[in-house]
N, C-alpha and C. Protein backbone atom coordinates (compact mmCIF):
# COMPACT_ATOMS: atom_id res chain seq x y z
N UNK A 1 -35.48 107.14 -77.58
CA UNK A 1 -35.85 106.19 -78.28
C UNK A 1 -34.98 105.13 -78.16
N UNK A 2 -35.77 103.87 -78.39
CA UNK A 2 -35.82 102.41 -78.01
C UNK A 2 -35.19 101.83 -78.67
N UNK A 3 -34.24 100.74 -78.48
CA UNK A 3 -33.49 100.45 -79.85
C UNK A 3 -34.76 99.69 -80.79
N UNK A 4 -35.29 99.12 -80.54
CA UNK A 4 -36.67 98.18 -81.27
C UNK A 4 -36.82 99.36 -81.70
N UNK A 5 -37.83 100.39 -81.51
CA UNK A 5 -38.48 101.78 -82.43
C UNK A 5 -37.25 102.18 -83.60
N UNK A 6 -36.03 102.09 -83.04
CA UNK A 6 -35.14 102.67 -84.01
C UNK A 6 -34.85 101.62 -85.40
N UNK A 7 -34.57 100.65 -84.48
CA UNK A 7 -34.65 98.97 -85.67
C UNK A 7 -35.89 99.30 -86.64
N UNK A 8 -36.74 99.34 -86.01
CA UNK A 8 -38.21 99.58 -87.00
C UNK A 8 -38.03 100.22 -87.81
N UNK A 9 -37.70 101.51 -87.44
CA UNK A 9 -37.90 102.81 -88.16
C UNK A 9 -36.74 102.61 -89.44
N UNK A 10 -35.71 102.25 -89.41
CA UNK A 10 -34.36 102.32 -89.81
C UNK A 10 -34.68 101.07 -91.09
N UNK A 11 -35.12 99.81 -90.42
CA UNK A 11 -36.05 98.95 -91.51
C UNK A 11 -36.86 99.39 -92.60
N UNK A 12 -37.63 100.43 -91.85
CA UNK A 12 -38.71 100.86 -93.07
C UNK A 12 -38.24 101.72 -93.85
N UNK A 13 -37.60 102.66 -93.35
CA UNK A 13 -36.96 103.67 -94.72
C UNK A 13 -36.04 102.89 -95.31
N UNK A 14 -35.43 101.78 -95.23
CA UNK A 14 -34.75 101.25 -96.43
C UNK A 14 -35.66 99.89 -97.07
N UNK A 15 -37.18 99.96 -96.92
CA UNK A 15 -38.28 99.65 -97.61
C UNK A 15 -38.09 98.52 -97.35
N UNK A 16 -37.64 97.70 -96.35
CA UNK A 16 -37.81 96.46 -96.11
C UNK A 16 -38.75 95.99 -95.44
N UNK A 17 -39.17 94.74 -95.41
CA UNK A 17 -40.52 93.72 -94.91
C UNK A 17 -39.50 92.93 -92.99
N UNK A 18 -40.58 92.37 -92.24
CA UNK A 18 -39.55 91.96 -91.62
C UNK A 18 -38.78 90.57 -92.10
N UNK A 19 -39.68 89.96 -92.78
CA UNK A 19 -38.69 88.91 -93.26
C UNK A 19 -38.00 88.85 -93.82
N UNK A 20 -37.60 90.06 -94.91
CA UNK A 20 -36.30 89.87 -96.13
C UNK A 20 -34.91 90.67 -94.91
N UNK A 21 -35.21 91.23 -93.63
CA UNK A 21 -34.54 91.49 -92.83
C UNK A 21 -33.94 90.34 -91.92
N UNK A 22 -34.77 89.62 -91.85
CA UNK A 22 -34.45 88.47 -91.16
C UNK A 22 -33.46 87.40 -92.41
N UNK A 23 -33.91 87.58 -93.36
CA UNK A 23 -33.14 86.77 -94.11
C UNK A 23 -32.01 87.48 -94.22
N UNK A 24 -31.55 88.40 -94.34
CA UNK A 24 -30.41 89.34 -94.68
C UNK A 24 -29.65 89.06 -93.65
N UNK A 25 -30.10 89.21 -92.40
CA UNK A 25 -29.56 88.92 -91.16
C UNK A 25 -28.80 87.52 -90.87
N UNK A 26 -29.93 86.35 -91.67
CA UNK A 26 -29.69 85.05 -91.63
C UNK A 26 -29.86 84.26 -89.80
N UNK A 27 -30.93 85.21 -89.49
CA UNK A 27 -31.92 84.53 -88.00
C UNK A 27 -33.61 84.76 -88.29
N UNK A 28 -34.16 84.16 -87.57
CA UNK A 28 -35.56 84.07 -87.70
C UNK A 28 -36.08 85.44 -87.73
N UNK A 29 -37.54 85.46 -87.87
CA UNK A 29 -38.53 86.53 -87.86
C UNK A 29 -39.19 86.92 -86.78
N UNK A 30 -38.85 85.58 -85.78
CA UNK A 30 -39.30 85.75 -84.44
C UNK A 30 -38.42 86.80 -83.50
N UNK A 31 -36.94 86.40 -84.13
CA UNK A 31 -35.70 86.85 -83.61
C UNK A 31 -35.97 88.46 -83.85
N UNK A 32 -36.13 88.58 -85.17
CA UNK A 32 -36.28 90.37 -85.73
C UNK A 32 -37.10 90.93 -84.50
N UNK A 33 -38.57 90.41 -84.78
CA UNK A 33 -39.53 90.99 -84.08
C UNK A 33 -39.37 90.74 -82.49
N UNK A 34 -38.92 90.33 -82.08
CA UNK A 34 -38.40 90.19 -80.50
C UNK A 34 -37.50 92.41 -80.62
N UNK A 35 -36.58 91.90 -81.55
CA UNK A 35 -35.99 92.97 -81.45
C UNK A 35 -36.39 94.31 -81.52
N UNK A 36 -37.90 94.20 -82.44
CA UNK A 36 -38.02 95.34 -82.86
C UNK A 36 -39.08 96.28 -81.94
N UNK A 37 -39.73 94.40 -80.99
CA UNK A 37 -40.46 95.09 -79.88
C UNK A 37 -40.22 94.93 -77.92
N UNK A 38 -38.65 95.35 -78.45
CA UNK A 38 -37.76 95.29 -77.34
C UNK A 38 -37.98 94.13 -76.16
N UNK A 39 -38.54 93.02 -77.02
CA UNK A 39 -38.57 92.07 -75.93
C UNK A 39 -37.10 91.41 -76.01
N UNK A 40 -36.47 91.33 -76.60
CA UNK A 40 -34.71 90.68 -76.69
C UNK A 40 -33.23 91.81 -77.45
N UNK A 41 -32.66 91.42 -77.33
CA UNK A 41 -31.66 92.58 -77.93
C UNK A 41 -30.68 91.80 -79.05
N UNK A 42 -30.26 92.03 -80.13
CA UNK A 42 -29.35 91.71 -80.93
C UNK A 42 -27.93 91.31 -80.22
N UNK A 43 -27.31 90.41 -80.62
CA UNK A 43 -26.15 90.09 -80.22
C UNK A 43 -25.24 90.88 -80.88
N UNK A 44 -23.69 91.12 -79.92
CA UNK A 44 -22.78 92.48 -80.90
C UNK A 44 -22.83 91.94 -82.29
N UNK A 45 -22.47 90.73 -82.75
CA UNK A 45 -22.44 90.37 -84.03
C UNK A 45 -23.38 90.86 -84.88
N UNK A 46 -24.71 90.68 -84.64
CA UNK A 46 -26.01 91.61 -85.13
C UNK A 46 -25.79 92.31 -85.09
N UNK A 47 -25.48 93.46 -83.92
CA UNK A 47 -25.18 94.94 -83.82
C UNK A 47 -24.23 95.18 -85.02
N UNK A 48 -23.45 94.58 -85.08
CA UNK A 48 -22.60 95.05 -86.32
C UNK A 48 -23.22 95.17 -87.48
N UNK A 49 -23.77 93.68 -87.90
CA UNK A 49 -24.46 93.63 -88.98
C UNK A 49 -25.53 94.57 -89.53
N UNK A 50 -26.05 94.92 -88.33
CA UNK A 50 -27.07 95.85 -88.47
C UNK A 50 -26.41 97.38 -88.92
N UNK A 51 -25.35 97.97 -88.16
CA UNK A 51 -25.09 98.97 -88.48
C UNK A 51 -24.78 98.89 -89.71
N UNK A 52 -23.93 97.85 -90.36
CA UNK A 52 -23.51 97.85 -92.00
C UNK A 52 -24.36 98.14 -92.72
N UNK A 53 -25.61 97.31 -92.29
CA UNK A 53 -26.88 96.85 -93.34
C UNK A 53 -27.49 98.67 -93.68
N UNK A 54 -27.72 99.19 -92.11
CA UNK A 54 -27.81 100.47 -91.79
C UNK A 54 -27.11 101.81 -92.41
N UNK A 55 -26.15 101.43 -92.36
CA UNK A 55 -25.00 102.81 -93.20
C UNK A 55 -24.86 103.44 -91.93
N UNK A 56 -24.57 102.92 -90.59
CA UNK A 56 -24.44 103.51 -89.26
C UNK A 56 -24.06 103.26 -88.51
N UNK A 57 -23.57 104.12 -87.52
CA UNK A 57 -22.40 103.72 -86.68
C UNK A 57 -22.82 102.99 -85.45
N UNK A 58 -22.11 102.06 -84.94
CA UNK A 58 -22.32 100.98 -83.62
C UNK A 58 -23.44 102.15 -82.61
N UNK A 59 -22.65 103.16 -82.46
CA UNK A 59 -22.70 104.54 -81.12
C UNK A 59 -24.47 104.92 -81.75
N UNK A 60 -24.40 105.34 -83.06
CA UNK A 60 -25.82 105.76 -83.74
C UNK A 60 -27.31 104.43 -82.87
N UNK A 61 -26.52 103.24 -83.03
CA UNK A 61 -27.01 102.59 -83.26
C UNK A 61 -27.90 102.34 -81.80
N UNK A 62 -26.97 101.93 -80.79
CA UNK A 62 -27.57 101.59 -79.33
C UNK A 62 -27.33 103.15 -78.17
N UNK A 63 -27.06 103.83 -78.41
CA UNK A 63 -26.42 105.46 -77.54
C UNK A 63 -28.76 105.51 -77.34
N UNK A 64 -28.78 105.83 -77.97
CA UNK A 64 -30.39 106.49 -77.28
C UNK A 64 -31.10 105.68 -76.74
N UNK A 65 -31.11 104.33 -76.50
CA UNK A 65 -31.60 103.33 -76.01
C UNK A 65 -30.80 103.23 -74.15
N UNK A 66 -31.36 104.01 -73.68
CA UNK A 66 -30.63 103.85 -71.97
C UNK A 66 -30.45 102.40 -71.60
N UNK A 67 -32.18 101.97 -71.32
CA UNK A 67 -31.85 100.34 -71.02
C UNK A 67 -31.35 99.37 -71.46
N UNK A 68 -30.85 99.71 -72.77
CA UNK A 68 -30.02 99.06 -73.51
C UNK A 68 -28.78 98.54 -72.69
N UNK A 69 -28.07 100.27 -73.35
CA UNK A 69 -26.40 100.49 -72.44
C UNK A 69 -26.57 99.64 -71.11
N UNK A 70 -27.31 99.71 -70.51
CA UNK A 70 -27.35 99.10 -68.98
C UNK A 70 -27.29 97.83 -68.85
N UNK A 71 -27.46 96.74 -69.90
CA UNK A 71 -27.48 95.29 -70.45
C UNK A 71 -25.89 95.01 -70.29
C-alpha cells in the first residue's frame, strides 16, 4: 500500500475531513491532498506528527511504501 492510501485510510478511520486534518497538522489542504494522492510526501516533522495523531509508529506509517523508502 502506498503512503497516500494509508494516510487516507487512517484519516477516514478517525472520521476527519481533509480540512480538519490540515488544520490539526498546520498545513494547507493542498499539501494534505498531495500526500494522500502520492503527489508529494510529508517531511519528517509531519510524519512524526501523523504517527502521533494516528497512534502508530513511523515504521508502520512508511514501511509499506517502497517508493517512499527510496526517496
